[in-house]
Amino acid sequence: MAAVKLKNRKHSIILGVLFCALVCYFVATLISLQTKVNAEENALEDLKTSYQQQLNENAELEMIIENGNESDYIEKVAREQYGYAKPDERVYYDSSAS
């Protein structure tokens, strides 16, 4: 009878350990999936922001095309993106702002 109790106790310990291992696996999987979901939500927010910026830029370009201000737009792009200036124009930079 003592052997049967010992055998049942070993089985219950093994089942308890297996149950704990299974719970730990599920918790680890849940944490991993939650981390991935958070990363994907951040990526989605970045894409939404980028999309909105592109829509704004498209609206600005459409307005420029409709109003016929292509030369103003070309000048703006040349100044902002390429650092160009008109001949005999002095460009000053505020070094303390950076």
PDB file of N, CA and C in Angstrom:
ATOM      1  N   MET A   1       0.806  -1.175   0.000  1.00  0.00           N
ATOM      2  CA  MET A   1       0.000   0.000   0.000  1.00  0.00           C
ATOM      3  C   MET A   1       0.865   1.260   0.000  1.00  0.00           C
ATOM      4  N   ALA A   2       1.965   1.220   0.724  1.00  0.00           N
ATOM      5  CA  ALA A   2       2.877   2.357   0.760  1.00  0.00           C
ATOM      6  C   ALA A   2       3.511   2.568  -0.602  1.00  0.00           C
ATOM      7  N   ALA A   3       3.734   1.473  -1.348  1.00  0.00           N
ATOM      8  CA  ALA A   3       4.318   1.576  -2.687  1.00  0.00           C
ATOM      9  C   ALA A   3       3.349   2.248  -3.641  1.00  0.00           C
ATOM     10  N   VAL A   4       2.063   1.988  -3.481  1.00  0.00           N
ATOM     11  CA  VAL A   4       1.050   2.593  -4.345  1.00  0.00           C
ATOM     12  C   VAL A   4       0.979   4.090  -4.070  1.00  0.00           C
ATOM     13  N   LYS A   5       1.022   4.493  -2.786  1.00  0.00           N
ATOM     14  CA  LYS A   5       0.991   5.916  -2.440  1.00  0.00           C
ATOM     15  C   LYS A   5       2.226   6.625  -2.987  1.00  0.00           C
ATOM     16  N   LEU A   6       3.387   5.954  -2.878  1.00  0.00           N
ATOM     17  CA  LEU A   6       4.624   6.542  -3.379  1.00  0.00           C
ATOM     18  C   LEU A   6       4.557   6.708  -4.895  1.00  0.00           C
ATOM     19  N   LYS A   7       3.988   5.692  -5.580  1.00  0.00           N
ATOM     20  CA  LYS A   7       3.862   5.740  -7.028  1.00  0.00           C
ATOM     21  C   LYS A   7       2.883   6.858  -7.433  1.00  0.00           C
ATOM     22  N   ASN A   8       1.771   7.001  -6.733  1.00  0.00           N
ATOM     23  CA  ASN A   8       0.802   8.057  -7.018  1.00  0.00           C
ATOM     24  C   ASN A   8       1.409   9.437  -6.742  1.00  0.00           C
ATOM     25  N   ARG A   9       2.201   9.522  -5.688  1.00  0.00           N
ATOM     26  CA  ARG A   9       2.840  10.795  -5.367  1.00  0.00           C
ATOM     27  C   ARG A   9       3.824  11.194  -6.469  1.00  0.00           C
ATOM     28  N   LYS A  10       4.580  10.219  -7.011  1.00  0.00           N
ATOM     29  CA  LYS A  10       5.526  10.504  -8.094  1.00  0.00           C
ATOM     30  C   LYS A  10       4.777  10.981  -9.333  1.00  0.00           C
ATOM     31  N   HIS A  11       3.639  10.340  -9.629  1.00  0.00           N
ATOM     32  CA  HIS A  11       2.847  10.745 -10.786  1.00  0.00           C
ATOM     33  C   HIS A  11       2.301  12.160 -10.604  1.00  0.00           C
ATOM     34  N   SER A  12       1.838  12.469  -9.403  1.00  0.00           N
ATOM     35  CA  SER A  12       1.285  13.809  -9.179  1.00  0.00           C
ATOM     36  C   SER A  12       2.377  14.874  -9.234  1.00  0.00           C
ATOM     37  N   ILE A  13       3.570  14.554  -8.781  1.00  0.00           N
ATOM     38  CA  ILE A  13       4.682  15.499  -8.870  1.00  0.00           C
ATOM     39  C   ILE A  13       5.060  15.726 -10.332  1.00  0.00           C
ATOM     40  N   ILE A  14       5.124  14.645 -11.087  1.00  0.00           N
ATOM     41  CA  ILE A  14       5.453  14.761 -12.514  1.00  0.00           C
ATOM     42  C   ILE A  14       4.375  15.571 -13.230  1.00  0.00           C
ATOM     43  N   LEU A  15       3.115  15.310 -12.949  1.00  0.00           N
ATOM     44  CA  LEU A  15       2.031  16.073 -13.561  1.00  0.00           C
ATOM     45  C   LEU A  15       2.084  17.544 -13.149  1.00  0.00           C
ATOM     46  N   GLY A  16       2.407  17.805 -11.904  1.00  0.00           N
ATOM     47  CA  GLY A  16       2.542  19.183 -11.430  1.00  0.00           C
ATOM     48  C   GLY A  16       3.659  19.907 -12.154  1.00  0.00           C
ATOM     49  N   VAL A  17       4.794  19.253 -12.335  1.00  0.00           N
ATOM     50  CA  VAL A  17       5.928  19.854 -13.043  1.00  0.00           C
ATOM     51  C   VAL A  17       5.562  20.098 -14.500  1.00  0.00           C
ATOM     52  N   LEU A  18       4.907  19.120 -15.134  1.00  0.00           N
ATOM     53  CA  LEU A  18       4.492  19.302 -16.523  1.00  0.00           C
ATOM     54  C   LEU A  18       3.486  20.440 -16.658  1.00  0.00           C
ATOM     55  N   PHE A  19       2.562  20.545 -15.714  1.00  0.00           N
ATOM     56  CA  PHE A  19       1.581  21.626 -15.738  1.00  0.00           C
ATOM     57  C   PHE A  19       2.271  22.981 -15.584  1.00  0.00           C
ATOM     58  N   CYS A  20       3.219  23.080 -14.666  1.00  0.00           N
ATOM     59  CA  CYS A  20       3.967  24.337 -14.482  1.00  0.00           C
ATOM     60  C   CYS A  20       4.764  24.709 -15.731  1.00  0.00           C
ATOM     61  N   ALA A  21       5.371  23.691 -16.364  1.00  0.00           N
ATOM     62  CA  ALA A  21       6.127  23.939 -17.589  1.00  0.00           C
ATOM     63  C   ALA A  21       5.194  24.426 -18.697  1.00  0.00           C
ATOM     64  N   LEU A  22       4.025  23.838 -18.792  1.00  0.00           N
ATOM     65  CA  LEU A  22       3.051  24.239 -19.794  1.00  0.00           C
ATOM     66  C   LEU A  22       2.567  25.673 -19.549  1.00  0.00           C
ATOM     67  N   VAL A  23       2.307  26.014 -18.316  1.00  0.00           N
ATOM     68  CA  VAL A  23       1.896  27.368 -17.968  1.00  0.00           C
ATOM     69  C   VAL A  23       3.008  28.362 -18.301  1.00  0.00           C
ATOM     70  N   CYS A  24       4.244  28.021 -17.976  1.00  0.00           N
ATOM     71  CA  CYS A  24       5.384  28.903 -18.287  1.00  0.00           C
ATOM     72  C   CYS A  24       5.517  29.105 -19.796  1.00  0.00           C
ATOM     73  N   TYR A  25       5.309  28.033 -20.560  1.00  0.00           N
ATOM     74  CA  TYR A  25       5.382  28.130 -22.019  1.00  0.00           C
ATOM     75  C   TYR A  25       4.314  29.079 -22.541  1.00  0.00           C
ATOM     76  N   PHE A  26       3.091  28.936 -22.053  1.00  0.00           N
ATOM     77  CA  PHE A  26       2.009  29.797 -22.499  1.00  0.00           C
ATOM     78  C   PHE A  26       2.243  31.254 -22.104  1.00  0.00           C
ATOM     79  N   VAL A  27       2.758  31.499 -20.938  1.00  0.00           N
ATOM     80  CA  VAL A  27       3.050  32.863 -20.498  1.00  0.00           C
ATOM     81  C   VAL A  27       4.147  33.475 -21.375  1.00  0.00           C
ATOM     82  N   ALA A  28       5.197  32.700 -21.642  1.00  0.00           N
ATOM     83  CA  ALA A  28       6.285  33.197 -22.490  1.00  0.00           C
ATOM     84  C   ALA A  28       5.781  33.493 -23.901  1.00  0.00           C
ATOM     85  N   THR A  29       4.927  32.627 -24.431  1.00  0.00           N
ATOM     86  CA  THR A  29       4.369  32.835 -25.761  1.00  0.00           C
ATOM     87  C   THR A  29       3.494  34.083 -25.778  1.00  0.00           C
ATOM     88  N   LEU A  30       2.689  34.262 -24.741  1.00  0.00           N
ATOM     89  CA  LEU A  30       1.827  35.430 -24.649  1.00  0.00           C
ATOM     90  C   LEU A  30       2.650  36.719 -24.605  1.00  0.00           C
ATOM     91  N   ILE A  31       3.703  36.733 -23.824  1.00  0.00           N
ATOM     92  CA  ILE A  31       4.572  37.913 -23.728  1.00  0.00           C
ATOM     93  C   ILE A  31       5.240  38.190 -25.073  1.00  0.00           C
ATOM     94  N   SER A  32       5.702  37.146 -25.731  1.00  0.00           N
ATOM     95  CA  SER A  32       6.348  37.297 -27.030  1.00  0.00           C
ATOM     96  C   SER A  32       5.369  37.868 -28.057  1.00  0.00           C
ATOM     97  N   LEU A  33       4.167  37.338 -28.074  1.00  0.00           N
ATOM     98  CA  LEU A  33       3.164  37.829 -29.024  1.00  0.00           C
ATOM     99  C   LEU A  33       2.766  39.271 -28.725  1.00  0.00           C
ATOM    100  N   GLN A  34       2.664  39.613 -27.458  1.00  0.00           N
ATOM    101  CA  GLN A  34       2.310  40.981 -27.089  1.00  0.00           C
ATOM    102  C   GLN A  34       3.404  41.958 -27.526  1.00  0.00           C
ATOM    103  N   THR A  35       4.658  41.552 -27.403  1.00  0.00           N
ATOM    104  CA  THR A  35       5.773  42.379 -27.852  1.00  0.00           C
ATOM    105  C   THR A  35       5.705  42.597 -29.362  1.00  0.00           C
ATOM    106  N   LYS A  36       5.400  41.527 -30.098  1.00  0.00           N
ATOM    107  CA  LYS A  36       5.284  41.650 -31.554  1.00  0.00           C
ATOM    108  C   LYS A  36       4.118  42.555 -31.935  1.00  0.00           C
ATOM    109  N   VAL A  37       3.008  42.434 -31.239  1.00  0.00           N
ATOM    110  CA  VAL A  37       1.849  43.280 -31.514  1.00  0.00           C
ATOM    111  C   VAL A  37       2.197  44.744 -31.271  1.00  0.00           C
ATOM    112  N   ASN A  38       2.876  45.035 -30.188  1.00  0.00           N
ATOM    113  CA  ASN A  38       3.276  46.418 -29.897  1.00  0.00           C
ATOM    114  C   ASN A  38       4.202  46.967 -30.975  1.00  0.00           C
ATOM    115  N   ALA A  39       5.141  46.138 -31.433  1.00  0.00           N
ATOM    116  CA  ALA A  39       6.058  46.581 -32.483  1.00  0.00           C
ATOM    117  C   ALA A  39       5.302  46.858 -33.774  1.00  0.00           C
ATOM    118  N   GLU A  40       4.345  46.012 -34.109  1.00  0.00           N
ATOM    119  CA  GLU A  40       3.566  46.211 -35.327  1.00  0.00           C
ATOM    120  C   GLU A  40       2.666  47.442 -35.214  1.00  0.00           C
ATOM    121  N   GLU A  41       2.127  47.698 -34.033  1.00  0.00           N
ATOM    122  CA  GLU A  41       1.316  48.907 -33.836  1.00  0.00           C
ATOM    123  C   GLU A  41       2.163  50.161 -33.997  1.00  0.00           C
ATOM    124  N   ASN A  42       3.404  50.127 -33.503  1.00  0.00           N
ATOM    125  CA  ASN A  42       4.313  51.266 -33.677  1.00  0.00           C
ATOM    126  C   ASN A  42       4.641  51.474 -35.151  1.00  0.00           C
ATOM    127  N   ALA A  43       4.871  50.375 -35.861  1.00  0.00           N
ATOM    128  CA  ALA A  43       5.162  50.469 -37.287  1.00  0.00           C
ATOM    129  C   ALA A  43       3.953  51.025 -38.033  1.00  0.00           C
ATOM    130  N   LEU A  44       2.762  50.618 -37.626  1.00  0.00           N
ATOM    131  CA  LEU A  44       1.545  51.124 -38.255  1.00  0.00           C
ATOM    132  C   LEU A  44       1.390  52.621 -38.021  1.00  0.00           C
ATOM    133  N   GLU A  45       1.673  53.081 -36.824  1.00  0.00           N
ATOM    134  CA  GLU A  45       1.598  54.518 -36.534  1.00  0.00           C
ATOM    135  C   GLU A  45       2.604  55.302 -37.380  1.00  0.00           C
ATOM    136  N   ASP A  46       3.813  54.746 -37.535  1.00  0.00           N
ATOM    137  CA  ASP A  46       4.819  55.399 -38.377  1.00  0.00           C
ATOM    138  C   ASP A  46       4.335  55.491 -39.823  1.00  0.00           C
ATOM    139  N   LEU A  47       3.718  54.409 -40.304  1.00  0.00           N
ATOM    140  CA  LEU A  47       3.207  54.411 -41.671  1.00  0.00           C
ATOM    141  C   LEU A  47       2.056  55.408 -41.834  1.00  0.00           C
ATOM    142  N   LYS A  48       1.199  55.495 -40.823  1.00  0.00           N
ATOM    143  CA  LYS A  48       0.103  56.464 -40.892  1.00  0.00           C
ATOM    144  C   LYS A  48       0.641  57.888 -40.946  1.00  0.00           C
ATOM    145  N   THR A  49       1.667  58.167 -40.146  1.00  0.00           N
ATOM    146  CA  THR A  49       2.282  59.494 -40.148  1.00  0.00           C
ATOM    147  C   THR A  49       2.913  59.789 -41.505  1.00  0.00           C
ATOM    148  N   SER A  50       3.638  58.822 -42.037  1.00  0.00           N
ATOM    149  CA  SER A  50       4.265  58.991 -43.341  1.00  0.00           C
ATOM    150  C   SER A  50       3.215  59.200 -44.434  1.00  0.00           C
ATOM    151  N   TYR A  51       2.129  58.456 -44.343  1.00  0.00           N
ATOM    152  CA  TYR A  51       1.036  58.590 -45.313  1.00  0.00           C
ATOM    153  C   TYR A  51       0.427  59.987 -45.252  1.00  0.00           C
ATOM    154  N   GLN A  52       0.204  60.483 -44.055  1.00  0.00           N
ATOM    155  CA  GLN A  52      -0.382  61.813 -43.896  1.00  0.00           C
ATOM    156  C   GLN A  52       0.558  62.888 -44.433  1.00  0.00           C
ATOM    157  N   GLN A  53       1.854  62.741 -44.176  1.00  0.00           N
ATOM    158  CA  GLN A  53       2.827  63.694 -44.707  1.00  0.00           C
ATOM    159  C   GLN A  53       2.821  63.687 -46.232  1.00  0.00           C
ATOM    160  N   GLN A  54       2.708  62.492 -46.806  1.00  0.00           N
ATOM    161  CA  GLN A  54       2.680  62.389 -48.263  1.00  0.00           C
ATOM    162  C   GLN A  54       1.415  63.024 -48.826  1.00  0.00           C
ATOM    163  N   LEU A  55       0.286  62.829 -48.146  1.00  0.00           N
ATOM    164  CA  LEU A  55      -0.959  63.477 -48.582  1.00  0.00           C
ATOM    165  C   LEU A  55      -0.827  64.999 -48.538  1.00  0.00           C
ATOM    166  N   ASN A  56      -0.209  65.511 -47.481  1.00  0.00           N
ATOM    167  CA  ASN A  56      -0.002  66.960 -47.372  1.00  0.00           C
ATOM    168  C   ASN A  56       0.888  67.479 -48.488  1.00  0.00           C
ATOM    169  N   GLU A  57       1.948  66.752 -48.769  1.00  0.00           N
ATOM    170  CA  GLU A  57       2.854  67.157 -49.842  1.00  0.00           C
ATOM    171  C   GLU A  57       2.147  67.107 -51.188  1.00  0.00           C
ATOM    172  N   ASN A  58       1.334  66.080 -51.411  1.00  0.00           N
ATOM    173  CA  ASN A  58       0.580  65.983 -52.670  1.00  0.00           C
ATOM    174  C   ASN A  58      -0.401  67.144 -52.811  1.00  0.00           C
ATOM    175  N   ALA A  59      -1.069  67.496 -51.716  1.00  0.00           N
ATOM    176  CA  ALA A  59      -2.006  68.616 -51.763  1.00  0.00           C
ATOM    177  C   ALA A  59      -1.274  69.915 -52.088  1.00  0.00           C
ATOM    178  N   GLU A  60      -0.090  70.097 -51.506  1.00  0.00           N
ATOM    179  CA  GLU A  60       0.706  71.293 -51.786  1.00  0.00           C
ATOM    180  C   GLU A  60       1.125  71.335 -53.250  1.00  0.00           C
ATOM    181  N   LEU A  61       1.550  70.192 -53.775  1.00  0.00           N
ATOM    182  CA  LEU A  61       1.963  70.149 -55.186  1.00  0.00           C
ATOM    183  C   LEU A  61       0.778  70.397 -56.121  1.00  0.00           C
ATOM    184  N   GLU A  62      -0.386  69.859 -55.787  1.00  0.00           N
ATOM    185  CA  GLU A  62      -1.571  70.102 -56.607  1.00  0.00           C
ATOM    186  C   GLU A  62      -1.943  71.587 -56.598  1.00  0.00           C
ATOM    187  N   MET A  63      -1.817  72.212 -55.435  1.00  0.00           N
ATOM    188  CA  MET A  63      -2.117  73.634 -55.328  1.00  0.00           C
ATOM    189  C   MET A  63      -1.136  74.444 -56.175  1.00  0.00           C
ATOM    190  N   ILE A  64       0.116  74.069 -56.154  1.00  0.00           N
ATOM    191  CA  ILE A  64       1.131  74.773 -56.943  1.00  0.00           C
ATOM    192  C   ILE A  64       0.835  74.625 -58.432  1.00  0.00           C
ATOM    193  N   ILE A  65       0.429  73.426 -58.845  1.00  0.00           N
ATOM    194  CA  ILE A  65       0.128  73.196 -60.257  1.00  0.00           C
ATOM    195  C   ILE A  65      -1.098  74.005 -60.674  1.00  0.00           C
ATOM    196  N   GLU A  66      -2.117  74.032 -59.826  1.00  0.00           N
ATOM    197  CA  GLU A  66      -3.344  74.764 -60.154  1.00  0.00           C
ATOM    198  C   GLU A  66      -3.112  76.265 -60.211  1.00  0.00           C
ATOM    199  N   ASN A  67      -2.268  76.786 -59.336  1.00  0.00           N
ATOM    200  CA  ASN A  67      -2.035  78.233 -59.286  1.00  0.00           C
ATOM    201  C   ASN A  67      -0.957  78.691 -60.257  1.00  0.00           C
ATOM    202  N   GLY A  68      -0.235  77.777 -60.848  1.00  0.00           N
ATOM    203  CA  GLY A  68       0.802  78.141 -61.806  1.00  0.00           C
ATOM    204  C   GLY A  68       2.045  78.723 -61.166  1.00  0.00           C
ATOM    205  N   ASN A  69       2.363  78.330 -59.920  1.00  0.00           N
ATOM    206  CA  ASN A  69       3.533  78.854 -59.212  1.00  0.00           C
ATOM    207  C   ASN A  69       4.696  77.862 -59.260  1.00  0.00           C
ATOM    208  N   GLU A  70       4.921  77.273 -60.420  1.00  0.00           N
ATOM    209  CA  GLU A  70       5.984  76.274 -60.517  1.00  0.00           C
ATOM    210  C   GLU A  70       7.354  76.875 -60.228  1.00  0.00           C
ATOM    211  N   SER A  71       7.576  78.106 -60.677  1.00  0.00           N
ATOM    212  CA  SER A  71       8.895  78.711 -60.458  1.00  0.00           C
ATOM    213  C   SER A  71       9.137  78.955 -58.968  1.00  0.00           C
ATOM    214  N   ASP A  72       8.084  79.323 -58.219  1.00  0.00           N
ATOM    215  CA  ASP A  72       8.240  79.492 -56.770  1.00  0.00           C
ATOM    216  C   ASP A  72       8.568  78.156 -56.099  1.00  0.00           C
ATOM    217  N   TYR A  73       7.908  77.108 -56.563  1.00  0.00           N
ATOM    218  CA  TYR A  73       8.164  75.782 -55.998  1.00  0.00           C
ATOM    219  C   TYR A  73       9.585  75.322 -56.320  1.00  0.00           C
ATOM    220  N   ILE A  74      10.003  75.537 -57.544  1.00  0.00           N
ATOM    221  CA  ILE A  74      11.361  75.140 -57.938  1.00  0.00           C
ATOM    222  C   ILE A  74      12.390  75.889 -57.108  1.00  0.00           C
ATOM    223  N   GLU A  75      12.151  77.174 -56.882  1.00  0.00           N
ATOM    224  CA  GLU A  75      13.062  77.971 -56.056  1.00  0.00           C
ATOM    225  C   GLU A  75      13.089  77.451 -54.619  1.00  0.00           C
ATOM    226  N   LYS A  76      11.922  77.120 -54.082  1.00  0.00           N
ATOM    227  CA  LYS A  76      11.841  76.598 -52.715  1.00  0.00           C
ATOM    228  C   LYS A  76      12.617  75.285 -52.579  1.00  0.00           C
ATOM    229  N   VAL A  77      12.439  74.384 -53.533  1.00  0.00           N
ATOM    230  CA  VAL A  77      13.152  73.102 -53.497  1.00  0.00           C
ATOM    231  C   VAL A  77      14.651  73.327 -53.633  1.00  0.00           C
ATOM    232  N   ALA A  78      15.047  74.203 -54.533  1.00  0.00           N
ATOM    233  CA  ALA A  78      16.469  74.477 -54.734  1.00  0.00           C
ATOM    234  C   ALA A  78      17.106  75.029 -53.462  1.00  0.00           C
ATOM    235  N   ARG A  79      16.394  75.893 -52.759  1.00  0.00           N
ATOM    236  CA  ARG A  79      16.938  76.481 -51.528  1.00  0.00           C
ATOM    237  C   ARG A  79      16.963  75.470 -50.377  1.00  0.00           C
ATOM    238  N   GLU A  80      15.834  74.796 -50.165  1.00  0.00           N
ATOM    239  CA  GLU A  80      15.713  73.934 -48.986  1.00  0.00           C
ATOM    240  C   GLU A  80      16.474  72.613 -49.121  1.00  0.00           C
ATOM    241  N   GLN A  81      16.357  71.974 -50.282  1.00  0.00           N
ATOM    242  CA  GLN A  81      16.951  70.647 -50.414  1.00  0.00           C
ATOM    243  C   GLN A  81      18.391  70.666 -50.912  1.00  0.00           C
ATOM    244  N   TYR A  82      18.697  71.631 -51.760  1.00  0.00           N
ATOM    245  CA  TYR A  82      20.024  71.636 -52.374  1.00  0.00           C
ATOM    246  C   TYR A  82      20.920  72.767 -51.886  1.00  0.00           C
ATOM    247  N   GLY A  83      20.377  73.685 -51.106  1.00  0.00           N
ATOM    248  CA  GLY A  83      21.181  74.761 -50.553  1.00  0.00           C
ATOM    249  C   GLY A  83      21.599  75.805 -51.572  1.00  0.00           C
ATOM    250  N   TYR A  84      20.886  75.924 -52.680  1.00  0.00           N
ATOM    251  CA  TYR A  84      21.217  76.903 -53.700  1.00  0.00           C
ATOM    252  C   TYR A  84      20.798  78.300 -53.260  1.00  0.00           C
ATOM    253  N   ALA A  85      21.412  79.281 -53.873  1.00  0.00           N
ATOM    254  CA  ALA A  85      21.070  80.683 -53.639  1.00  0.00           C
ATOM    255  C   ALA A  85      21.157  81.415 -54.975  1.00  0.00           C
ATOM    256  N   LYS A  86      20.542  82.590 -55.023  1.00  0.00           N
ATOM    257  CA  LYS A  86      20.592  83.387 -56.247  1.00  0.00           C
ATOM    258  C   LYS A  86      21.983  84.006 -56.373  1.00  0.00           C
ATOM    259  N   PRO A  87      22.370  84.369 -57.594  1.00  0.00           N
ATOM    260  CA  PRO A  87      23.676  85.022 -57.762  1.00  0.00           C
ATOM    261  C   PRO A  87      23.730  86.318 -56.958  1.00  0.00           C
ATOM    262  N   ASP A  88      24.858  86.586 -56.367  1.00  0.00           N
ATOM    263  CA  ASP A  88      25.117  87.772 -55.543  1.00  0.00           C
ATOM    264  C   ASP A  88      24.227  87.836 -54.306  1.00  0.00           C
ATOM    265  N   GLU A  89      23.675  86.718 -53.899  1.00  0.00           N
ATOM    266  CA  GLU A  89      22.859  86.680 -52.687  1.00  0.00           C
ATOM    267  C   GLU A  89      23.716  86.145 -51.547  1.00  0.00           C
ATOM    268  N   ARG A  90      23.613  86.774 -50.395  1.00  0.00           N
ATOM    269  CA  ARG A  90      24.355  86.323 -49.223  1.00  0.00           C
ATOM    270  C   ARG A  90      23.423  85.507 -48.326  1.00  0.00           C
ATOM    271  N   VAL A  91      23.898  84.340 -47.968  1.00  0.00           N
ATOM    272  CA  VAL A  91      23.101  83.459 -47.123  1.00  0.00           C
ATOM    273  C   VAL A  91      23.806  83.367 -45.773  1.00  0.00           C
ATOM    274  N   TYR A  92      23.064  83.652 -44.733  1.00  0.00           N
ATOM    275  CA  TYR A  92      23.607  83.607 -43.380  1.00  0.00           C
ATOM    276  C   TYR A  92      23.000  82.424 -42.629  1.00  0.00           C
ATOM    277  N   TYR A  93      23.832  81.723 -41.877  1.00  0.00           N
ATOM    278  CA  TYR A  93      23.385  80.587 -41.083  1.00  0.00           C
ATOM    279  C   TYR A  93      23.591  80.899 -39.612  1.00  0.00           C
ATOM    280  N   ASP A  94      22.616  80.582 -38.818  1.00  0.00           N
ATOM    281  CA  ASP A  94      22.699  80.782 -37.383  1.00  0.00           C
ATOM    282  C   ASP A  94      23.351  79.539 -36.762  1.00  0.00           C
ATOM    283  N   SER A  95      24.622  79.643 -36.415  1.00  0.00           N
ATOM    284  CA  SER A  95      25.335  78.486 -35.871  1.00  0.00           C
ATOM    285  C   SER A  95      24.948  78.178 -34.438  1.00  0.00           C
ATOM    286  N   SER A  96      24.380  79.145 -33.731  1.00  0.00           N
ATOM    287  CA  SER A  96      23.983  78.904 -32.341  1.00  0.00           C
ATOM    288  C   SER A  96      22.669  78.127 -32.263  1.00  0.00           C
ATOM    289  N   ALA A  97      21.912  78.044 -33.350  1.00  0.00           N
ATOM    290  CA  ALA A  97      20.619  77.347 -33.339  1.00  0.00           C
ATOM    291  C   ALA A  97      20.819  75.842 -33.355  1.00  0.00           C
ATOM    292  N   SER A  98      21.921  75.325 -33.848  1.00  0.00           N
ATOM    293  CA  SER A  98      22.100  73.888 -33.936  1.00  0.00           C
ATOM    294  C   SER A  98      22.554  73.306 -32.683  1.00  0.00           C
TER     295      SER A  98
END
